[in-house]
């Protein structure tokens, strides 16, 4: 299964995440996303991209079952770095990318959405970074991107509580551009993408490039440190307990180690 399908409509490529039941952000999806970005980069019939999830969710998080095979901190760090690299490329992409979010965008799913240039959400969507509930931390640059949208205090609130916010709150907090009823969010995202696609490609590329200048060296140092700490925390006793508890569908018993 390809996990990510592509359909082109009026200069807009629609990328659909297909990994039921929750569209978990598996390594295969991230690899496929990288391949699709390669394929679409030189395709003149594509001037904008919309990413959405098939079924009930945009993406409810990373594939936790894949975590169970990771034993060493350096391997967990590499896992984080792989996602960071692809999502950084997504954010630097020369064609506008819009995340159309419904259901839930959690953990790695929200981290991918935050790497998109814009986010259109359904009003009742749930957006969050719940990794601390599992005794781990975001690993795909979530700790660095989220404060850029909602500010440090709100970012801390979202991560330290692990509680999601609604689509309406996401707009109020600056994390999303606009919220619509669930039956309208995808159409609204497509309308926005088609408006962007109607502009001069040279001017669109220029604006997208210029917006990247706001990312400082400290930002990239933070991303690198996040991957390192992800590896450390992931292989800690509490990290192991949190992932195991999630798999077993029970409340984790954190020891503080």
C-alpha atoms as a PDB file:
ATOM      1  CA  UNK A   1       0.000   0.000   0.000  1.00  0.00           C
ATOM      2  CA  UNK A   2       1.328   3.413  -0.949  1.00  0.00           C
ATOM      3  CA  UNK A   3      -0.115   5.176   2.140  1.00  0.00           C
ATOM      4  CA  UNK A   4      -0.174   8.464   0.192  1.00  0.00           C
ATOM      5  CA  UNK A   5      -2.089   8.955  -3.059  1.00  0.00           C
ATOM      6  CA  UNK A   6      -1.867  11.885  -5.460  1.00  0.00           C
ATOM      7  CA  UNK A   7      -4.555  13.431  -7.651  1.00  0.00           C
ATOM      8  CA  UNK A   8      -4.108  16.625  -9.680  1.00  0.00           C
ATOM      9  CA  UNK A   9      -7.053  18.979 -10.149  1.00  0.00           C
ATOM     10  CA  UNK A  10      -6.794  22.448 -11.736  1.00  0.00           C
ATOM     11  CA  UNK A  11      -3.089  22.889 -10.906  1.00  0.00           C
ATOM     12  CA  UNK A  12      -3.614  21.589  -7.358  1.00  0.00           C
ATOM     13  CA  UNK A  13      -2.166  18.251  -6.273  1.00  0.00           C
ATOM     14  CA  UNK A  14      -4.309  16.597  -3.592  1.00  0.00           C
ATOM     15  CA  UNK A  15      -2.249  14.287  -1.372  1.00  0.00           C
ATOM     16  CA  UNK A  16      -4.400  11.863   0.598  1.00  0.00           C
ATOM     17  CA  UNK A  17      -3.003  10.044   3.633  1.00  0.00           C
ATOM     18  CA  UNK A  18      -4.306   6.462   3.670  1.00  0.00           C
ATOM     19  CA  UNK A  19      -3.214   4.487   6.715  1.00  0.00           C
ATOM     20  CA  UNK A  20      -6.381   3.325   8.501  1.00  0.00           C
ATOM     21  CA  UNK A  21      -7.755   3.446  11.070  1.00  0.00           C
ATOM     22  CA  UNK A  22      -6.060   6.647  12.340  1.00  0.00           C
ATOM     23  CA  UNK A  23      -3.707   7.587   9.469  1.00  0.00           C
ATOM     24  CA  UNK A  24      -0.738   7.158  11.805  1.00  0.00           C
ATOM     25  CA  UNK A  25       2.370   8.980  10.626  1.00  0.00           C
ATOM     26  CA  UNK A  26       4.311   5.812   9.829  1.00  0.00           C
ATOM     27  CA  UNK A  27       7.856   5.881   8.464  1.00  0.00           C
ATOM     28  CA  UNK A  28       6.490   4.649   5.120  1.00  0.00           C
ATOM     29  CA  UNK A  29       4.245   7.716   4.836  1.00  0.00           C
ATOM     30  CA  UNK A  30       7.130  10.068   5.557  1.00  0.00           C
ATOM     31  CA  UNK A  31       9.282   8.312   2.945  1.00  0.00           C
ATOM     32  CA  UNK A  32       6.432   8.448   0.431  1.00  0.00           C
ATOM     33  CA  UNK A  33       5.899  12.146   1.138  1.00  0.00           C
ATOM     34  CA  UNK A  34       9.548  12.788   0.308  1.00  0.00           C
ATOM     35  CA  UNK A  35       9.165  10.869  -2.958  1.00  0.00           C
ATOM     36  CA  UNK A  36       6.006  12.766  -3.892  1.00  0.00           C
ATOM     37  CA  UNK A  37       7.677  16.110  -3.224  1.00  0.00           C
ATOM     38  CA  UNK A  38      10.436  15.042  -5.625  1.00  0.00           C
ATOM     39  CA  UNK A  39       7.882  14.043  -8.253  1.00  0.00           C
ATOM     40  CA  UNK A  40       5.834  17.234  -8.031  1.00  0.00           C
ATOM     41  CA  UNK A  41       8.696  19.704  -7.796  1.00  0.00           C
ATOM     42  CA  UNK A  42       9.308  19.912 -11.559  1.00  0.00           C
ATOM     43  CA  UNK A  43       5.704  19.201 -12.567  1.00  0.00           C
ATOM     44  CA  UNK A  44       4.425  22.386 -14.215  1.00  0.00           C
ATOM     45  CA  UNK A  45       0.832  21.164 -13.966  1.00  0.00           C
ATOM     46  CA  UNK A  46       1.094  21.429 -10.161  1.00  0.00           C
ATOM     47  CA  UNK A  47       1.278  24.892  -8.604  1.00  0.00           C
ATOM     48  CA  UNK A  48      -0.119  24.164  -5.125  1.00  0.00           C
ATOM     49  CA  UNK A  49      -0.641  21.161  -2.847  1.00  0.00           C
ATOM     50  CA  UNK A  50      -3.378  20.163  -0.402  1.00  0.00           C
ATOM     51  CA  UNK A  51      -2.720  17.376   2.115  1.00  0.00           C
ATOM     52  CA  UNK A  52      -5.612  15.692   3.891  1.00  0.00           C
ATOM     53  CA  UNK A  53      -6.454  12.392   5.536  1.00  0.00           C
ATOM     54  CA  UNK A  54      -8.887   9.770   4.295  1.00  0.00           C
ATOM     55  CA  UNK A  55     -11.552   8.582   6.712  1.00  0.00           C
ATOM     56  CA  UNK A  56     -12.079   9.972  10.211  1.00  0.00           C
ATOM     57  CA  UNK A  57      -8.716  11.662  10.814  1.00  0.00           C
ATOM     58  CA  UNK A  58      -6.045  13.851   9.271  1.00  0.00           C
ATOM     59  CA  UNK A  59      -3.410  11.932  11.246  1.00  0.00           C
ATOM     60  CA  UNK A  60      -3.762  10.910  14.880  1.00  0.00           C
ATOM     61  CA  UNK A  61      -0.005  10.743  15.508  1.00  0.00           C
ATOM     62  CA  UNK A  62       3.112   8.688  14.933  1.00  0.00           C
ATOM     63  CA  UNK A  63       2.878   4.919  14.523  1.00  0.00           C
ATOM     64  CA  UNK A  64       3.638   3.941  18.124  1.00  0.00           C
ATOM     65  CA  UNK A  65       3.975   0.270  17.208  1.00  0.00           C
ATOM     66  CA  UNK A  66       7.045   1.179  15.136  1.00  0.00           C
ATOM     67  CA  UNK A  67       8.610   2.602  18.307  1.00  0.00           C
ATOM     68  CA  UNK A  68       8.677  -0.804  19.983  1.00  0.00           C
ATOM     69  CA  UNK A  69      11.522  -2.015  17.753  1.00  0.00           C
ATOM     70  CA  UNK A  70      13.779   0.950  18.598  1.00  0.00           C
ATOM     71  CA  UNK A  71      16.264  -0.032  21.307  1.00  0.00           C
ATOM     72  CA  UNK A  72      19.113   2.502  21.298  1.00  0.00           C
ATOM     73  CA  UNK A  73      19.021   6.269  21.860  1.00  0.00           C
ATOM     74  CA  UNK A  74      20.985   6.868  18.658  1.00  0.00           C
ATOM     75  CA  UNK A  75      18.360   4.929  16.669  1.00  0.00           C
ATOM     76  CA  UNK A  76      15.533   6.976  18.205  1.00  0.00           C
ATOM     77  CA  UNK A  77      17.502  10.150  17.427  1.00  0.00           C
ATOM     78  CA  UNK A  78      17.892   9.015  13.815  1.00  0.00           C
ATOM     79  CA  UNK A  79      14.153   8.322  13.609  1.00  0.00           C
ATOM     80  CA  UNK A  80      13.458  11.888  14.710  1.00  0.00           C
ATOM     81  CA  UNK A  81      16.030  13.328  12.312  1.00  0.00           C
ATOM     82  CA  UNK A  82      14.503  11.483   9.349  1.00  0.00           C
ATOM     83  CA  UNK A  83      11.132  13.102  10.004  1.00  0.00           C
ATOM     84  CA  UNK A  84      12.706  16.488  10.659  1.00  0.00           C
ATOM     85  CA  UNK A  85      14.502  16.445   7.308  1.00  0.00           C
ATOM     86  CA  UNK A  86      11.367  15.670   5.291  1.00  0.00           C
ATOM     87  CA  UNK A  87       9.213  18.187   7.173  1.00  0.00           C
ATOM     88  CA  UNK A  88      11.871  20.875   6.792  1.00  0.00           C
ATOM     89  CA  UNK A  89      11.834  20.233   3.056  1.00  0.00           C
ATOM     90  CA  UNK A  90       8.043  20.505   3.124  1.00  0.00           C
ATOM     91  CA  UNK A  91       8.241  23.888   4.844  1.00  0.00           C
ATOM     92  CA  UNK A  92      10.854  25.092   2.319  1.00  0.00           C
ATOM     93  CA  UNK A  93       8.937  23.743  -0.673  1.00  0.00           C
ATOM     94  CA  UNK A  94       8.705  26.179  -3.590  1.00  0.00           C
ATOM     95  CA  UNK A  95       4.978  25.530  -4.090  1.00  0.00           C
ATOM     96  CA  UNK A  96       2.403  26.417  -1.411  1.00  0.00           C
ATOM     97  CA  UNK A  97       1.275  23.472   0.712  1.00  0.00           C
ATOM     98  CA  UNK A  98      -1.997  23.560   2.650  1.00  0.00           C
ATOM     99  CA  UNK A  99      -2.951  21.058   5.352  1.00  0.00           C
ATOM    100  CA  UNK A 100      -6.707  20.359   5.340  1.00  0.00           C
ATOM    101  CA  UNK A 101      -7.369  19.017   8.835  1.00  0.00           C
ATOM    102  CA  UNK A 102     -10.390  17.174  10.181  1.00  0.00           C
ATOM    103  CA  UNK A 103     -10.880  14.678  12.986  1.00  0.00           C
ATOM    104  CA  UNK A 104      -7.489  14.866  14.642  1.00  0.00           C
ATOM    105  CA  UNK A 105      -3.982  16.124  13.925  1.00  0.00           C
ATOM    106  CA  UNK A 106      -1.961  14.872  16.863  1.00  0.00           C
ATOM    107  CA  UNK A 107       1.739  14.288  17.520  1.00  0.00           C
ATOM    108  CA  UNK A 108       3.543  13.587  14.273  1.00  0.00           C
ATOM    109  CA  UNK A 109       0.372  14.434  12.365  1.00  0.00           C
ATOM    110  CA  UNK A 110       0.322  17.960  13.769  1.00  0.00           C
ATOM    111  CA  UNK A 111       4.085  18.254  13.272  1.00  0.00           C
ATOM    112  CA  UNK A 112       3.606  17.568   9.563  1.00  0.00           C
ATOM    113  CA  UNK A 113       0.684  20.016   9.416  1.00  0.00           C
ATOM    114  CA  UNK A 114       2.806  22.710  11.077  1.00  0.00           C
ATOM    115  CA  UNK A 115       5.439  22.233   8.363  1.00  0.00           C
ATOM    116  CA  UNK A 116       2.808  23.073   5.741  1.00  0.00           C
ATOM    117  CA  UNK A 117       2.527  26.726   4.767  1.00  0.00           C
ATOM    118  CA  UNK A 118      -1.133  27.069   5.793  1.00  0.00           C
ATOM    119  CA  UNK A 119      -3.724  25.080   7.742  1.00  0.00           C
ATOM    120  CA  UNK A 120      -7.476  24.925   7.131  1.00  0.00           C
ATOM    121  CA  UNK A 121      -9.328  23.002   9.847  1.00  0.00           C
ATOM    122  CA  UNK A 122     -12.765  21.686  10.622  1.00  0.00           C
ATOM    123  CA  UNK A 123     -14.330  23.453  13.584  1.00  0.00           C
ATOM    124  CA  UNK A 124     -14.385  20.339  15.762  1.00  0.00           C
ATOM    125  CA  UNK A 125     -10.957  19.009  14.807  1.00  0.00           C
ATOM    126  CA  UNK A 126      -8.525  18.164  17.625  1.00  0.00           C
ATOM    127  CA  UNK A 127      -4.952  19.459  17.335  1.00  0.00           C
ATOM    128  CA  UNK A 128      -2.262  18.660  19.867  1.00  0.00           C
ATOM    129  CA  UNK A 129       1.141  17.298  20.825  1.00  0.00           C
ATOM    130  CA  UNK A 130       0.304  14.612  23.427  1.00  0.00           C
ATOM    131  CA  UNK A 131       3.743  12.958  23.481  1.00  0.00           C
ATOM    132  CA  UNK A 132       4.338  13.727  27.166  1.00  0.00           C
ATOM    133  CA  UNK A 133       1.379  11.468  27.966  1.00  0.00           C
ATOM    134  CA  UNK A 134       3.604   8.650  26.695  1.00  0.00           C
ATOM    135  CA  UNK A 135       6.681   9.751  28.599  1.00  0.00           C
ATOM    136  CA  UNK A 136       8.396  11.016  25.446  1.00  0.00           C
ATOM    137  CA  UNK A 137       8.632  14.359  23.602  1.00  0.00           C
ATOM    138  CA  UNK A 138       7.823  15.602  20.084  1.00  0.00           C
ATOM    139  CA  UNK A 139      10.587  14.598  17.688  1.00  0.00           C
ATOM    140  CA  UNK A 140       9.734  16.080  14.280  1.00  0.00           C
ATOM    141  CA  UNK A 141      10.542  19.703  15.259  1.00  0.00           C
ATOM    142  CA  UNK A 142       7.225  20.153  17.060  1.00  0.00           C
ATOM    143  CA  UNK A 143       8.864  21.850  20.047  1.00  0.00           C
ATOM    144  CA  UNK A 144      10.371  24.449  17.714  1.00  0.00           C
ATOM    145  CA  UNK A 145       7.442  25.078  15.341  1.00  0.00           C
ATOM    146  CA  UNK A 146       4.550  25.206  17.784  1.00  0.00           C
ATOM    147  CA  UNK A 147       5.808  28.286  19.727  1.00  0.00           C
ATOM    148  CA  UNK A 148       6.246  30.141  16.429  1.00  0.00           C
ATOM    149  CA  UNK A 149       2.485  29.871  15.874  1.00  0.00           C
ATOM    150  CA  UNK A 150       0.907  30.051  19.338  1.00  0.00           C
ATOM    151  CA  UNK A 151       3.648  31.604  21.488  1.00  0.00           C
ATOM    152  CA  UNK A 152       5.744  30.000  24.212  1.00  0.00           C
ATOM    153  CA  UNK A 153       3.132  29.967  26.978  1.00  0.00           C
ATOM    154  CA  UNK A 154       0.402  28.353  24.870  1.00  0.00           C
ATOM    155  CA  UNK A 155       2.897  25.881  23.397  1.00  0.00           C
ATOM    156  CA  UNK A 156       3.950  24.851  26.888  1.00  0.00           C
ATOM    157  CA  UNK A 157       0.314  24.486  27.924  1.00  0.00           C
ATOM    158  CA  UNK A 158      -0.415  22.214  24.968  1.00  0.00           C
ATOM    159  CA  UNK A 159       2.665  20.039  25.471  1.00  0.00           C
ATOM    160  CA  UNK A 160       2.753  19.843  29.282  1.00  0.00           C
ATOM    161  CA  UNK A 161      -0.951  18.980  29.568  1.00  0.00           C
ATOM    162  CA  UNK A 162      -0.988  16.821  26.463  1.00  0.00           C
ATOM    163  CA  UNK A 163      -4.509  18.079  25.827  1.00  0.00           C
ATOM    164  CA  UNK A 164      -5.619  18.978  22.281  1.00  0.00           C
ATOM    165  CA  UNK A 165      -7.316  22.180  21.221  1.00  0.00           C
ATOM    166  CA  UNK A 166     -10.258  22.471  18.845  1.00  0.00           C
ATOM    167  CA  UNK A 167     -10.136  23.769  15.306  1.00  0.00           C
ATOM    168  CA  UNK A 168     -11.820  26.966  16.471  1.00  0.00           C
ATOM    169  CA  UNK A 169      -9.194  27.438  19.197  1.00  0.00           C
ATOM    170  CA  UNK A 170      -6.443  26.737  16.676  1.00  0.00           C
ATOM    171  CA  UNK A 171      -7.619  29.713  14.631  1.00  0.00           C
ATOM    172  CA  UNK A 172      -7.848  31.922  17.726  1.00  0.00           C
ATOM    173  CA  UNK A 173      -4.342  30.905  18.825  1.00  0.00           C
ATOM    174  CA  UNK A 174      -2.778  31.438  15.387  1.00  0.00           C
ATOM    175  CA  UNK A 175      -2.173  27.776  14.601  1.00  0.00           C
ATOM    176  CA  UNK A 176      -4.718  27.616  11.761  1.00  0.00           C
ATOM    177  CA  UNK A 177      -5.853  30.062   9.095  1.00  0.00           C
ATOM    178  CA  UNK A 178      -9.574  29.361   9.224  1.00  0.00           C
ATOM    179  CA  UNK A 179     -12.114  26.861  10.547  1.00  0.00           C
ATOM    180  CA  UNK A 180     -15.180  25.503   8.746  1.00  0.00           C
ATOM    181  CA  UNK A 181     -17.901  22.927   9.355  1.00  0.00           C
ATOM    182  CA  UNK A 182     -16.559  19.466   8.597  1.00  0.00           C
ATOM    183  CA  UNK A 183     -18.520  19.194   5.361  1.00  0.00           C
ATOM    184  CA  UNK A 184     -16.872  22.398   4.092  1.00  0.00           C
ATOM    185  CA  UNK A 185     -13.226  22.363   5.269  1.00  0.00           C
ATOM    186  CA  UNK A 186     -11.765  20.460   2.305  1.00  0.00           C
ATOM    187  CA  UNK A 187     -13.595  22.580  -0.259  1.00  0.00           C
ATOM    188  CA  UNK A 188     -12.312  25.703   1.520  1.00  0.00           C
ATOM    189  CA  UNK A 189      -8.745  24.380   1.431  1.00  0.00           C
ATOM    190  CA  UNK A 190      -9.077  23.640  -2.276  1.00  0.00           C
ATOM    191  CA  UNK A 191     -10.432  27.123  -2.951  1.00  0.00           C
ATOM    192  CA  UNK A 192      -7.444  28.656  -1.136  1.00  0.00           C
ATOM    193  CA  UNK A 193      -5.012  26.419  -3.022  1.00  0.00           C
ATOM    194  CA  UNK A 194      -6.551  27.337  -6.389  1.00  0.00           C
ATOM    195  CA  UNK A 195      -6.269  31.041  -5.591  1.00  0.00           C
ATOM    196  CA  UNK A 196      -2.571  30.580  -4.803  1.00  0.00           C
ATOM    197  CA  UNK A 197      -2.133  28.462  -7.943  1.00  0.00           C
ATOM    198  CA  UNK A 198      -3.569  31.275 -10.087  1.00  0.00           C
ATOM    199  CA  UNK A 199      -0.717  33.621  -9.166  1.00  0.00           C
ATOM    200  CA  UNK A 200       2.606  34.009 -10.965  1.00  0.00           C
ATOM    201  CA  UNK A 201       4.731  31.014 -10.015  1.00  0.00           C
ATOM    202  CA  UNK A 202       7.863  33.164  -9.852  1.00  0.00           C
ATOM    203  CA  UNK A 203       6.274  35.547  -7.346  1.00  0.00           C
ATOM    204  CA  UNK A 204       4.890  32.683  -5.252  1.00  0.00           C
ATOM    205  CA  UNK A 205       8.312  31.025  -5.142  1.00  0.00           C
ATOM    206  CA  UNK A 206       9.898  34.310  -4.103  1.00  0.00           C
ATOM    207  CA  UNK A 207       7.465  34.881  -1.223  1.00  0.00           C
ATOM    208  CA  UNK A 208       7.839  31.320   0.042  1.00  0.00           C
ATOM    209  CA  UNK A 209      11.622  31.652  -0.012  1.00  0.00           C
ATOM    210  CA  UNK A 210      11.591  35.010   1.765  1.00  0.00           C
ATOM    211  CA  UNK A 211       9.386  33.726   4.582  1.00  0.00           C
ATOM    212  CA  UNK A 212      12.091  31.194   5.469  1.00  0.00           C
ATOM    213  CA  UNK A 213      14.476  33.972   6.507  1.00  0.00           C
ATOM    214  CA  UNK A 214      12.678  34.272   9.855  1.00  0.00           C
ATOM    215  CA  UNK A 215      14.178  30.937  10.951  1.00  0.00           C
ATOM    216  CA  UNK A 216      17.341  31.719  12.881  1.00  0.00           C
ATOM    217  CA  UNK A 217      20.389  29.606  13.647  1.00  0.00           C
ATOM    218  CA  UNK A 218      18.919  29.140  17.137  1.00  0.00           C
ATOM    219  CA  UNK A 219      15.865  27.522  15.564  1.00  0.00           C
ATOM    220  CA  UNK A 220      17.982  24.939  13.755  1.00  0.00           C
ATOM    221  CA  UNK A 221      20.078  24.341  16.875  1.00  0.00           C
ATOM    222  CA  UNK A 222      16.808  23.711  18.733  1.00  0.00           C
ATOM    223  CA  UNK A 223      15.678  21.209  16.098  1.00  0.00           C
ATOM    224  CA  UNK A 224      18.980  19.330  16.371  1.00  0.00           C
ATOM    225  CA  UNK A 225      18.801  19.317  20.159  1.00  0.00           C
ATOM    226  CA  UNK A 226      15.206  18.080  20.008  1.00  0.00           C
ATOM    227  CA  UNK A 227      16.313  14.978  18.085  1.00  0.00           C
ATOM    228  CA  UNK A 228      19.062  14.310  20.630  1.00  0.00           C
ATOM    229  CA  UNK A 229      16.729  14.685  23.589  1.00  0.00           C
ATOM    230  CA  UNK A 230      14.064  12.611  21.844  1.00  0.00           C
ATOM    231  CA  UNK A 231      16.572   9.765  21.724  1.00  0.00           C
ATOM    232  CA  UNK A 232      17.499  10.207  25.388  1.00  0.00           C
ATOM    233  CA  UNK A 233      13.944  10.493  26.674  1.00  0.00           C
ATOM    234  CA  UNK A 234      12.640   7.749  24.414  1.00  0.00           C
ATOM    235  CA  UNK A 235      15.081   5.208  25.888  1.00  0.00           C
ATOM    236  CA  UNK A 236      14.570   6.330  29.512  1.00  0.00           C
ATOM    237  CA  UNK A 237      12.617   4.055  31.887  1.00  0.00           C
ATOM    238  CA  UNK A 238       9.621   6.402  31.774  1.00  0.00           C
ATOM    239  CA  UNK A 239       9.790   6.569  27.994  1.00  0.00           C
ATOM    240  CA  UNK A 240       9.711   2.777  27.792  1.00  0.00           C
ATOM    241  CA  UNK A 241       6.853   2.628  30.286  1.00  0.00           C
ATOM    242  CA  UNK A 242       4.821   5.239  28.434  1.00  0.00           C
ATOM    243  CA  UNK A 243       5.069   3.510  25.058  1.00  0.00           C
ATOM    244  CA  UNK A 244       4.358   0.103  26.600  1.00  0.00           C
ATOM    245  CA  UNK A 245       1.337   1.474  28.467  1.00  0.00           C
ATOM    246  CA  UNK A 246      -0.007   2.997  25.244  1.00  0.00           C
ATOM    247  CA  UNK A 247       0.313  -0.322  23.423  1.00  0.00           C
ATOM    248  CA  UNK A 248      -1.375  -2.109  26.329  1.00  0.00           C
ATOM    249  CA  UNK A 249      -4.092   0.576  26.541  1.00  0.00           C
ATOM    250  CA  UNK A 250      -3.479   1.345  30.214  1.00  0.00           C
ATOM    251  CA  UNK A 251      -2.429   4.365  32.249  1.00  0.00           C
ATOM    252  CA  UNK A 252       1.382   4.697  32.497  1.00  0.00           C
ATOM    253  CA  UNK A 253       3.071   4.469  35.904  1.00  0.00           C
ATOM    254  CA  UNK A 254       5.929   6.957  35.623  1.00  0.00           C
ATOM    255  CA  UNK A 255       8.785   6.527  38.117  1.00  0.00           C
ATOM    256  CA  UNK A 256      10.435   9.878  37.450  1.00  0.00           C
ATOM    257  CA  UNK A 257      13.452   8.258  35.780  1.00  0.00           C
END
